Amino acid sequence: MDPTQVIIRPVVSEKSYILAANDKYTFRVHPDAHKTQIRQAVEQLFDVKVVEVRTISVKSKPKRRGVTAGRTRSWKKAIVQLRSGDSIPVFQGLQG
């Protein structure tokens, strides 16, 4: 799998900004990607050294709009810890 297919996009939330201050970055990843693929993709795309990868399967939630009921999509999230001193520029200007 190509690194651009493994990493879909960064997760933008309050929790991800708090983690980014500790060199941990959160990404939405391909559901079939495993930790080794995620590690290699982040190292190739951002030219950093990955120390640890944690993955989470985010379950779908029930949603309603009037009488129509449905569910959101389930997706996979990866929290990637970098070597101290490394950073990813996507998150740089966002930390306060």
PDB file of N, CA and C in Angstrom:
ATOM      1  N   MET A   1       0.851  -1.180   0.000  1.00  0.00           N
ATOM      2  CA  MET A   1       0.000   0.000   0.000  1.00  0.00           C
ATOM      3  C   MET A   1       0.898   1.245   0.000  1.00  0.00           C
ATOM      4  N   ASP A   2       0.530   2.224  -0.777  1.00  0.00           N
ATOM      5  CA  ASP A   2       1.274   3.473  -0.900  1.00  0.00           C
ATOM      6  C   ASP A   2       1.122   4.304   0.389  1.00  0.00           C
ATOM      7  N   PRO A   3       2.188   5.023   0.824  1.00  0.00           N
ATOM      8  CA  PRO A   3       2.080   5.822   2.067  1.00  0.00           C
ATOM      9  C   PRO A   3       0.953   6.860   2.031  1.00  0.00           C
ATOM     10  N   THR A   4       0.645   7.396   0.852  1.00  0.00           N
ATOM     11  CA  THR A   4      -0.444   8.374   0.773  1.00  0.00           C
ATOM     12  C   THR A   4      -1.812   7.717   0.907  1.00  0.00           C
ATOM     13  N   GLN A   5      -1.886   6.404   0.697  1.00  0.00           N
ATOM     14  CA  GLN A   5      -3.140   5.687   0.911  1.00  0.00           C
ATOM     15  C   GLN A   5      -3.291   5.259   2.366  1.00  0.00           C
ATOM     16  N   VAL A   6      -2.183   5.049   3.051  1.00  0.00           N
ATOM     17  CA  VAL A   6      -2.224   4.617   4.451  1.00  0.00           C
ATOM     18  C   VAL A   6      -2.678   5.772   5.342  1.00  0.00           C
ATOM     19  N   ILE A   7      -2.037   6.933   5.208  1.00  0.00           N
ATOM     20  CA  ILE A   7      -2.385   8.119   6.005  1.00  0.00           C
ATOM     21  C   ILE A   7      -3.438   8.903   5.239  1.00  0.00           C
ATOM     22  N   ILE A   8      -4.657   8.983   5.778  1.00  0.00           N
ATOM     23  CA  ILE A   8      -5.735   9.682   5.083  1.00  0.00           C
ATOM     24  C   ILE A   8      -5.693  11.174   5.395  1.00  0.00           C
ATOM     25  N   ARG A   9      -5.701  11.531   6.703  1.00  0.00           N
ATOM     26  CA  ARG A   9      -5.629  12.946   7.093  1.00  0.00           C
ATOM     27  C   ARG A   9      -5.365  13.042   8.588  1.00  0.00           C
ATOM     28  N   PRO A  10      -4.854  14.190   9.039  1.00  0.00           N
ATOM     29  CA  PRO A  10      -4.680  14.370  10.485  1.00  0.00           C
ATOM     30  C   PRO A  10      -6.031  14.570  11.172  1.00  0.00           C
ATOM     31  N   VAL A  11      -6.104  14.154  12.411  1.00  0.00           N
ATOM     32  CA  VAL A  11      -7.318  14.343  13.208  1.00  0.00           C
ATOM     33  C   VAL A  11      -7.197  15.676  13.924  1.00  0.00           C
ATOM     34  N   VAL A  12      -8.185  16.545  13.730  1.00  0.00           N
ATOM     35  CA  VAL A  12      -8.170  17.877  14.330  1.00  0.00           C
ATOM     36  C   VAL A  12      -9.169  17.889  15.479  1.00  0.00           C
ATOM     37  N   SER A  13      -8.648  17.879  16.717  1.00  0.00           N
ATOM     38  CA  SER A  13      -9.498  17.928  17.902  1.00  0.00           C
ATOM     39  C   SER A  13      -8.677  18.502  19.052  1.00  0.00           C
ATOM     40  N   GLU A  14      -9.350  18.827  20.138  1.00  0.00           N
ATOM     41  CA  GLU A  14      -8.646  19.356  21.309  1.00  0.00           C
ATOM     42  C   GLU A  14      -7.669  18.325  21.860  1.00  0.00           C
ATOM     43  N   LYS A  15      -8.100  17.071  21.901  1.00  0.00           N
ATOM     44  CA  LYS A  15      -7.239  16.022  22.430  1.00  0.00           C
ATOM     45  C   LYS A  15      -5.998  15.838  21.554  1.00  0.00           C
ATOM     46  N   SER A  16      -6.151  15.918  20.230  1.00  0.00           N
ATOM     47  CA  SER A  16      -4.992  15.740  19.351  1.00  0.00           C
ATOM     48  C   SER A  16      -3.992  16.889  19.516  1.00  0.00           C
ATOM     49  N   TYR A  17      -4.456  18.095  19.819  1.00  0.00           N
ATOM     50  CA  TYR A  17      -3.538  19.217  20.045  1.00  0.00           C
ATOM     51  C   TYR A  17      -2.771  19.057  21.358  1.00  0.00           C
ATOM     52  N   ILE A  18      -3.444  18.530  22.380  1.00  0.00           N
ATOM     53  CA  ILE A  18      -2.771  18.276  23.653  1.00  0.00           C
ATOM     54  C   ILE A  18      -1.702  17.206  23.469  1.00  0.00           C
ATOM     55  N   LEU A  19      -2.022  16.148  22.717  1.00  0.00           N
ATOM     56  CA  LEU A  19      -1.052  15.092  22.447  1.00  0.00           C
ATOM     57  C   LEU A  19       0.108  15.597  21.584  1.00  0.00           C
ATOM     58  N   ALA A  20      -0.175  16.516  20.656  1.00  0.00           N
ATOM     59  CA  ALA A  20       0.875  17.045  19.773  1.00  0.00           C
ATOM     60  C   ALA A  20       1.934  17.797  20.566  1.00  0.00           C
ATOM     61  N   ALA A  21       1.553  18.367  21.692  1.00  0.00           N
ATOM     62  CA  ALA A  21       2.529  19.056  22.538  1.00  0.00           C
ATOM     63  C   ALA A  21       3.533  18.068  23.140  1.00  0.00           C
ATOM     64  N   ASN A  22       3.163  16.788  23.206  1.00  0.00           N
ATOM     65  CA  ASN A  22       4.040  15.740  23.742  1.00  0.00           C
ATOM     66  C   ASN A  22       4.619  14.865  22.632  1.00  0.00           C
ATOM     67  N   ASP A  23       4.744  15.391  21.431  1.00  0.00           N
ATOM     68  CA  ASP A  23       5.287  14.672  20.271  1.00  0.00           C
ATOM     69  C   ASP A  23       4.462  13.444  19.885  1.00  0.00           C
ATOM     70  N   LYS A  24       3.147  13.476  20.121  1.00  0.00           N
ATOM     71  CA  LYS A  24       2.242  12.408  19.690  1.00  0.00           C
ATOM     72  C   LYS A  24       1.242  13.012  18.715  1.00  0.00           C
ATOM     73  N   TYR A  25       1.190  12.454  17.516  1.00  0.00           N
ATOM     74  CA  TYR A  25       0.347  13.002  16.462  1.00  0.00           C
ATOM     75  C   TYR A  25      -0.713  11.989  16.070  1.00  0.00           C
ATOM     76  N   THR A  26      -1.928  12.488  15.797  1.00  0.00           N
ATOM     77  CA  THR A  26      -3.076  11.634  15.538  1.00  0.00           C
ATOM     78  C   THR A  26      -3.480  11.735  14.073  1.00  0.00           C
ATOM     79  N   PHE A  27      -3.690  10.574  13.440  1.00  0.00           N
ATOM     80  CA  PHE A  27      -4.063  10.521  12.031  1.00  0.00           C
ATOM     81  C   PHE A  27      -5.229   9.573  11.831  1.00  0.00           C
ATOM     82  N   ARG A  28      -6.046   9.882  10.831  1.00  0.00           N
ATOM     83  CA  ARG A  28      -7.034   8.922  10.347  1.00  0.00           C
ATOM     84  C   ARG A  28      -6.315   8.069   9.318  1.00  0.00           C
ATOM     85  N   VAL A  29      -6.390   6.757   9.463  1.00  0.00           N
ATOM     86  CA  VAL A  29      -5.631   5.855   8.600  1.00  0.00           C
ATOM     87  C   VAL A  29      -6.566   4.870   7.897  1.00  0.00           C
ATOM     88  N   HIS A  30      -6.025   4.195   6.891  1.00  0.00           N
ATOM     89  CA  HIS A  30      -6.775   3.185   6.138  1.00  0.00           C
ATOM     90  C   HIS A  30      -7.181   2.066   7.088  1.00  0.00           C
ATOM     91  N   PRO A  31      -8.413   1.569   7.001  1.00  0.00           N
ATOM     92  CA  PRO A  31      -8.867   0.543   7.954  1.00  0.00           C
ATOM     93  C   PRO A  31      -8.076  -0.756   7.910  1.00  0.00           C
ATOM     94  N   ASP A  32      -7.446  -1.065   6.778  1.00  0.00           N
ATOM     95  CA  ASP A  32      -6.686  -2.312   6.667  1.00  0.00           C
ATOM     96  C   ASP A  32      -5.201  -2.136   6.971  1.00  0.00           C
ATOM     97  N   ALA A  33      -4.766  -0.915   7.269  1.00  0.00           N
ATOM     98  CA  ALA A  33      -3.341  -0.660   7.531  1.00  0.00           C
ATOM     99  C   ALA A  33      -2.966  -1.172   8.911  1.00  0.00           C
ATOM    100  N   HIS A  34      -1.787  -1.801   9.013  1.00  0.00           N
ATOM    101  CA  HIS A  34      -1.308  -2.250  10.311  1.00  0.00           C
ATOM    102  C   HIS A  34      -0.204  -1.315  10.797  1.00  0.00           C
ATOM    103  N   LYS A  35       0.253  -1.541  12.030  1.00  0.00           N
ATOM    104  CA  LYS A  35       1.162  -0.607  12.688  1.00  0.00           C
ATOM    105  C   LYS A  35       2.466  -0.408  11.916  1.00  0.00           C
ATOM    106  N   THR A  36       3.000  -1.463  11.329  1.00  0.00           N
ATOM    107  CA  THR A  36       4.252  -1.338  10.573  1.00  0.00           C
ATOM    108  C   THR A  36       4.062  -0.460   9.351  1.00  0.00           C
ATOM    109  N   GLN A  37       2.948  -0.621   8.647  1.00  0.00           N
ATOM    110  CA  GLN A  37       2.662   0.221   7.484  1.00  0.00           C
ATOM    111  C   GLN A  37       2.488   1.676   7.892  1.00  0.00           C
ATOM    112  N   ILE A  38       1.821   1.918   9.011  1.00  0.00           N
ATOM    113  CA  ILE A  38       1.602   3.290   9.487  1.00  0.00           C
ATOM    114  C   ILE A  38       2.934   3.928   9.853  1.00  0.00           C
ATOM    115  N   ARG A  39       3.802   3.175  10.554  1.00  0.00           N
ATOM    116  CA  ARG A  39       5.121   3.673  10.931  1.00  0.00           C
ATOM    117  C   ARG A  39       5.932   4.058   9.689  1.00  0.00           C
ATOM    118  N   GLN A  40       5.978   3.178   8.689  1.00  0.00           N
ATOM    119  CA  GLN A  40       6.745   3.434   7.474  1.00  0.00           C
ATOM    120  C   GLN A  40       6.173   4.617   6.700  1.00  0.00           C
ATOM    121  N   ALA A  41       4.840   4.730   6.654  1.00  0.00           N
ATOM    122  CA  ALA A  41       4.210   5.825   5.914  1.00  0.00           C
ATOM    123  C   ALA A  41       4.526   7.178   6.554  1.00  0.00           C
ATOM    124  N   VAL A  42       4.442   7.272   7.887  1.00  0.00           N
ATOM    125  CA  VAL A  42       4.735   8.538   8.573  1.00  0.00           C
ATOM    126  C   VAL A  42       6.207   8.904   8.399  1.00  0.00           C
ATOM    127  N   GLU A  43       7.099   7.924   8.516  1.00  0.00           N
ATOM    128  CA  GLU A  43       8.531   8.204   8.362  1.00  0.00           C
ATOM    129  C   GLU A  43       8.862   8.653   6.948  1.00  0.00           C
ATOM    130  N   GLN A  44       8.213   8.086   5.934  1.00  0.00           N
ATOM    131  CA  GLN A  44       8.481   8.490   4.549  1.00  0.00           C
ATOM    132  C   GLN A  44       7.870   9.848   4.221  1.00  0.00           C
ATOM    133  N   LEU A  45       6.626  10.077   4.643  1.00  0.00           N
ATOM    134  CA  LEU A  45       5.935  11.308   4.271  1.00  0.00           C
ATOM    135  C   LEU A  45       6.478  12.536   4.987  1.00  0.00           C
ATOM    136  N   PHE A  46       6.857  12.399   6.256  1.00  0.00           N
ATOM    137  CA  PHE A  46       7.230  13.566   7.054  1.00  0.00           C
ATOM    138  C   PHE A  46       8.698  13.608   7.441  1.00  0.00           C
ATOM    139  N   ASP A  47       9.484  12.607   7.052  1.00  0.00           N
ATOM    140  CA  ASP A  47      10.927  12.549   7.318  1.00  0.00           C
ATOM    141  C   ASP A  47      11.227  12.707   8.812  1.00  0.00           C
ATOM    142  N   VAL A  48      10.576  11.856   9.620  1.00  0.00           N
ATOM    143  CA  VAL A  48      10.760  11.845  11.071  1.00  0.00           C
ATOM    144  C   VAL A  48      11.021  10.405  11.520  1.00  0.00           C
ATOM    145  N   LYS A  49      11.387  10.224  12.791  1.00  0.00           N
ATOM    146  CA  LYS A  49      11.622   8.898  13.355  1.00  0.00           C
ATOM    147  C   LYS A  49      10.487   8.571  14.316  1.00  0.00           C
ATOM    148  N   VAL A  50       9.777   7.464  14.057  1.00  0.00           N
ATOM    149  CA  VAL A  50       8.642   7.051  14.872  1.00  0.00           C
ATOM    150  C   VAL A  50       9.121   6.114  15.978  1.00  0.00           C
ATOM    151  N   VAL A  51       8.685   6.388  17.211  1.00  0.00           N
ATOM    152  CA  VAL A  51       9.044   5.564  18.361  1.00  0.00           C
ATOM    153  C   VAL A  51       7.966   4.519  18.627  1.00  0.00           C
ATOM    154  N   GLU A  52       6.686   4.925  18.542  1.00  0.00           N
ATOM    155  CA  GLU A  52       5.587   4.038  18.905  1.00  0.00           C
ATOM    156  C   GLU A  52       4.346   4.372  18.081  1.00  0.00           C
ATOM    157  N   VAL A  53       3.549   3.347  17.760  1.00  0.00           N
ATOM    158  CA  VAL A  53       2.286   3.523  17.047  1.00  0.00           C
ATOM    159  C   VAL A  53       1.192   2.822  17.838  1.00  0.00           C
ATOM    160  N   ARG A  54       0.113   3.540  18.097  1.00  0.00           N
ATOM    161  CA  ARG A  54      -1.064   2.955  18.742  1.00  0.00           C
ATOM    162  C   ARG A  54      -2.241   3.127  17.796  1.00  0.00           C
ATOM    163  N   THR A  55      -3.049   2.083  17.638  1.00  0.00           N
ATOM    164  CA  THR A  55      -4.190   2.150  16.734  1.00  0.00           C
ATOM    165  C   THR A  55      -5.486   1.918  17.499  1.00  0.00           C
ATOM    166  N   ILE A  56      -6.539   2.574  17.025  1.00  0.00           N
ATOM    167  CA  ILE A  56      -7.854   2.482  17.636  1.00  0.00           C
ATOM    168  C   ILE A  56      -8.873   2.370  16.526  1.00  0.00           C
ATOM    169  N   SER A  57      -9.804   1.428  16.649  1.00  0.00           N
ATOM    170  CA  SER A  57     -10.937   1.351  15.727  1.00  0.00           C
ATOM    171  C   SER A  57     -12.072   2.158  16.334  1.00  0.00           C
ATOM    172  N   VAL A  58     -12.448   3.252  15.679  1.00  0.00           N
ATOM    173  CA  VAL A  58     -13.509   4.121  16.172  1.00  0.00           C
ATOM    174  C   VAL A  58     -14.835   3.565  15.668  1.00  0.00           C
ATOM    175  N   LYS A  59     -15.709   3.201  16.573  1.00  0.00           N
ATOM    176  CA  LYS A  59     -16.979   2.582  16.204  1.00  0.00           C
ATOM    177  C   LYS A  59     -17.968   3.622  15.692  1.00  0.00           C
ATOM    178  N   SER A  60     -18.929   3.164  14.915  1.00  0.00           N
ATOM    179  CA  SER A  60     -19.944   4.066  14.375  1.00  0.00           C
ATOM    180  C   SER A  60     -20.950   4.429  15.462  1.00  0.00           C
ATOM    181  N   LYS A  61     -21.574   5.608  15.306  1.00  0.00           N
ATOM    182  CA  LYS A  61     -22.565   6.072  16.268  1.00  0.00           C
ATOM    183  C   LYS A  61     -23.922   6.158  15.584  1.00  0.00           C
ATOM    184  N   PRO A  62     -24.994   5.872  16.314  1.00  0.00           N
ATOM    185  CA  PRO A  62     -26.325   6.038  15.718  1.00  0.00           C
ATOM    186  C   PRO A  62     -26.664   7.528  15.593  1.00  0.00           C
ATOM    187  N   LYS A  63     -27.251   7.910  14.462  1.00  0.00           N
ATOM    188  CA  LYS A  63     -27.657   9.290  14.219  1.00  0.00           C
ATOM    189  C   LYS A  63     -29.079   9.286  13.671  1.00  0.00           C
ATOM    190  N   ARG A  64     -29.809  10.389  13.930  1.00  0.00           N
ATOM    191  CA  ARG A  64     -31.167  10.539  13.400  1.00  0.00           C
ATOM    192  C   ARG A  64     -31.335  11.916  12.815  1.00  0.00           C
ATOM    193  N   ARG A  65     -32.101  11.982  11.769  1.00  0.00           N
ATOM    194  CA  ARG A  65     -32.520  13.262  11.189  1.00  0.00           C
ATOM    195  C   ARG A  65     -34.002  13.109  10.887  1.00  0.00           C
ATOM    196  N   GLY A  66     -34.823  13.559  11.830  1.00  0.00           N
ATOM    197  CA  GLY A  66     -36.261  13.348  11.693  1.00  0.00           C
ATOM    198  C   GLY A  66     -36.595  11.892  11.924  1.00  0.00           C
ATOM    199  N   VAL A  67     -37.337  11.297  10.991  1.00  0.00           N
ATOM    200  CA  VAL A  67     -37.700   9.892  11.136  1.00  0.00           C
ATOM    201  C   VAL A  67     -36.640   8.971  10.536  1.00  0.00           C
ATOM    202  N   THR A  68     -35.712   9.526   9.772  1.00  0.00           N
ATOM    203  CA  THR A  68     -34.670   8.726   9.138  1.00  0.00           C
ATOM    204  C   THR A  68     -33.567   8.431  10.150  1.00  0.00           C
ATOM    205  N   ALA A  69     -33.293   7.158  10.331  1.00  0.00           N
ATOM    206  CA  ALA A  69     -32.252   6.745  11.266  1.00  0.00           C
ATOM    207  C   ALA A  69     -31.115   6.102  10.489  1.00  0.00           C
ATOM    208  N   GLY A  70     -29.907   6.306  10.971  1.00  0.00           N
ATOM    209  CA  GLY A  70     -28.752   5.707  10.319  1.00  0.00           C
ATOM    210  C   GLY A  70     -27.583   5.671  11.280  1.00  0.00           C
ATOM    211  N   ARG A  71     -26.409   5.399  10.731  1.00  0.00           N
ATOM    212  CA  ARG A  71     -25.199   5.344  11.556  1.00  0.00           C
ATOM    213  C   ARG A  71     -24.077   6.068  10.821  1.00  0.00           C
ATOM    214  N   THR A  72     -23.151   6.628  11.597  1.00  0.00           N
ATOM    215  CA  THR A  72     -21.947   7.200  11.002  1.00  0.00           C
ATOM    216  C   THR A  72     -21.015   6.063  10.600  1.00  0.00           C
ATOM    217  N   ARG A  73     -20.007   6.365   9.812  1.00  0.00           N
ATOM    218  CA  ARG A  73     -19.054   5.338   9.409  1.00  0.00           C
ATOM    219  C   ARG A  73     -18.089   5.028  10.542  1.00  0.00           C
ATOM    220  N   SER A  74     -17.669   3.783  10.608  1.00  0.00           N
ATOM    221  CA  SER A  74     -16.589   3.446  11.528  1.00  0.00           C
ATOM    222  C   SER A  74     -15.275   3.711  10.812  1.00  0.00           C
ATOM    223  N   TRP A  75     -14.206   4.039  11.563  1.00  0.00           N
ATOM    224  CA  TRP A  75     -12.925   4.368  10.958  1.00  0.00           C
ATOM    225  C   TRP A  75     -11.799   4.007  11.901  1.00  0.00           C
ATOM    226  N   LYS A  76     -10.582   4.095  11.408  1.00  0.00           N
ATOM    227  CA  LYS A  76      -9.417   3.711  12.199  1.00  0.00           C
ATOM    228  C   LYS A  76      -8.543   4.922  12.454  1.00  0.00           C
ATOM    229  N   LYS A  77      -8.082   5.038  13.709  1.00  0.00           N
ATOM    230  CA  LYS A  77      -7.261   6.164  14.132  1.00  0.00           C
ATOM    231  C   LYS A  77      -5.921   5.632  14.608  1.00  0.00           C
ATOM    232  N   ALA A  78      -4.858   6.378  14.330  1.00  0.00           N
ATOM    233  CA  ALA A  78      -3.522   5.992  14.792  1.00  0.00           C
ATOM    234  C   ALA A  78      -2.898   7.163  15.533  1.00  0.00           C
ATOM    235  N   ILE A  79      -2.342   6.886  16.715  1.00  0.00           N
ATOM    236  CA  ILE A  79      -1.595   7.880  17.480  1.00  0.00           C
ATOM    237  C   ILE A  79      -0.130   7.499  17.366  1.00  0.00           C
ATOM    238  N   VAL A  80       0.655   8.386  16.766  1.00  0.00           N
ATOM    239  CA  VAL A  80       2.051   8.105  16.443  1.00  0.00           C
ATOM    240  C   VAL A  80       2.939   8.959  17.327  1.00  0.00           C
ATOM    241  N   GLN A  81       3.830   8.319  18.097  1.00  0.00           N
ATOM    242  CA  GLN A  81       4.769   9.058  18.949  1.00  0.00           C
ATOM    243  C   GLN A  81       6.099   9.167  18.224  1.00  0.00           C
ATOM    244  N   LEU A  82       6.614  10.397  18.138  1.00  0.00           N
ATOM    245  CA  LEU A  82       7.875  10.659  17.456  1.00  0.00           C
ATOM    246  C   LEU A  82       9.017  10.754  18.451  1.00  0.00           C
ATOM    247  N   ARG A  83      10.222  10.616  17.940  1.00  0.00           N
ATOM    248  CA  ARG A  83      11.426  10.808  18.741  1.00  0.00           C
ATOM    249  C   ARG A  83      11.435  12.251  19.235  1.00  0.00           C
ATOM    250  N   SER A  84      11.904  12.501  20.450  1.00  0.00           N
ATOM    251  CA  SER A  84      11.911  13.868  20.974  1.00  0.00           C
ATOM    252  C   SER A  84      12.791  14.741  20.095  1.00  0.00           C
ATOM    253  N   GLY A  85      12.295  15.911  19.766  1.00  0.00           N
ATOM    254  CA  GLY A  85      12.997  16.814  18.866  1.00  0.00           C
ATOM    255  C   GLY A  85      12.411  16.815  17.473  1.00  0.00           C
ATOM    256  N   ASP A  86      11.774  15.713  17.061  1.00  0.00           N
ATOM    257  CA  ASP A  86      11.113  15.662  15.754  1.00  0.00           C
ATOM    258  C   ASP A  86       9.721  16.264  15.878  1.00  0.00           C
ATOM    259  N   SER A  87       9.233  16.828  14.770  1.00  0.00           N
ATOM    260  CA  SER A  87       7.873  17.361  14.748  1.00  0.00           C
ATOM    261  C   SER A  87       7.339  17.280  13.332  1.00  0.00           C
ATOM    262  N   ILE A  88       6.031  17.356  13.216  1.00  0.00           N
ATOM    263  CA  ILE A  88       5.363  17.340  11.915  1.00  0.00           C
ATOM    264  C   ILE A  88       4.814  18.739  11.674  1.00  0.00           C
ATOM    265  N   PRO A  89       5.190  19.373  10.555  1.00  0.00           N
ATOM    266  CA  PRO A  89       4.801  20.774  10.329  1.00  0.00           C
ATOM    267  C   PRO A  89       3.302  21.015  10.178  1.00  0.00           C
ATOM    268  N   VAL A  90       2.510  19.981   9.917  1.00  0.00           N
ATOM    269  CA  VAL A  90       1.073  20.165   9.774  1.00  0.00           C
ATOM    270  C   VAL A  90       0.475  20.700  11.073  1.00  0.00           C
ATOM    271  N   PHE A  91       1.029  20.291  12.222  1.00  0.00           N
ATOM    272  CA  PHE A  91       0.497  20.667  13.524  1.00  0.00           C
ATOM    273  C   PHE A  91       1.213  21.869  14.144  1.00  0.00           C
ATOM    274  N   GLN A  92       2.230  22.416  13.493  1.00  0.00           N
ATOM    275  CA  GLN A  92       3.087  23.420  14.118  1.00  0.00           C
ATOM    276  C   GLN A  92       2.359  24.694  14.528  1.00  0.00           C
ATOM    277  N   GLY A  93       1.639  25.357  13.625  1.00  0.00           N
ATOM    278  CA  GLY A  93       1.033  26.649  13.931  1.00  0.00           C
ATOM    279  C   GLY A  93      -0.209  26.549  14.780  1.00  0.00           C
ATOM    280  N   LEU A  94      -0.637  25.351  15.095  1.00  0.00           N
ATOM    281  CA  LEU A  94      -1.914  25.158  15.775  1.00  0.00           C
ATOM    282  C   LEU A  94      -1.787  25.060  17.280  1.00  0.00           C
ATOM    283  N   GLN A  95      -0.574  24.845  17.776  1.00  0.00           N
ATOM    284  CA  GLN A  95      -0.402  24.701  19.220  1.00  0.00           C
ATOM    285  C   GLN A  95      -0.316  26.071  19.872  1.00  0.00           C
ATOM    286  N   GLY A  96      -0.985  26.219  20.994  1.00  0.00           N
ATOM    287  CA  GLY A  96      -0.995  27.508  21.658  1.00  0.00           C
ATOM    288  C   GLY A  96      -0.179  27.468  22.840  1.00  0.00           C
TER     289      GLY A  96
END
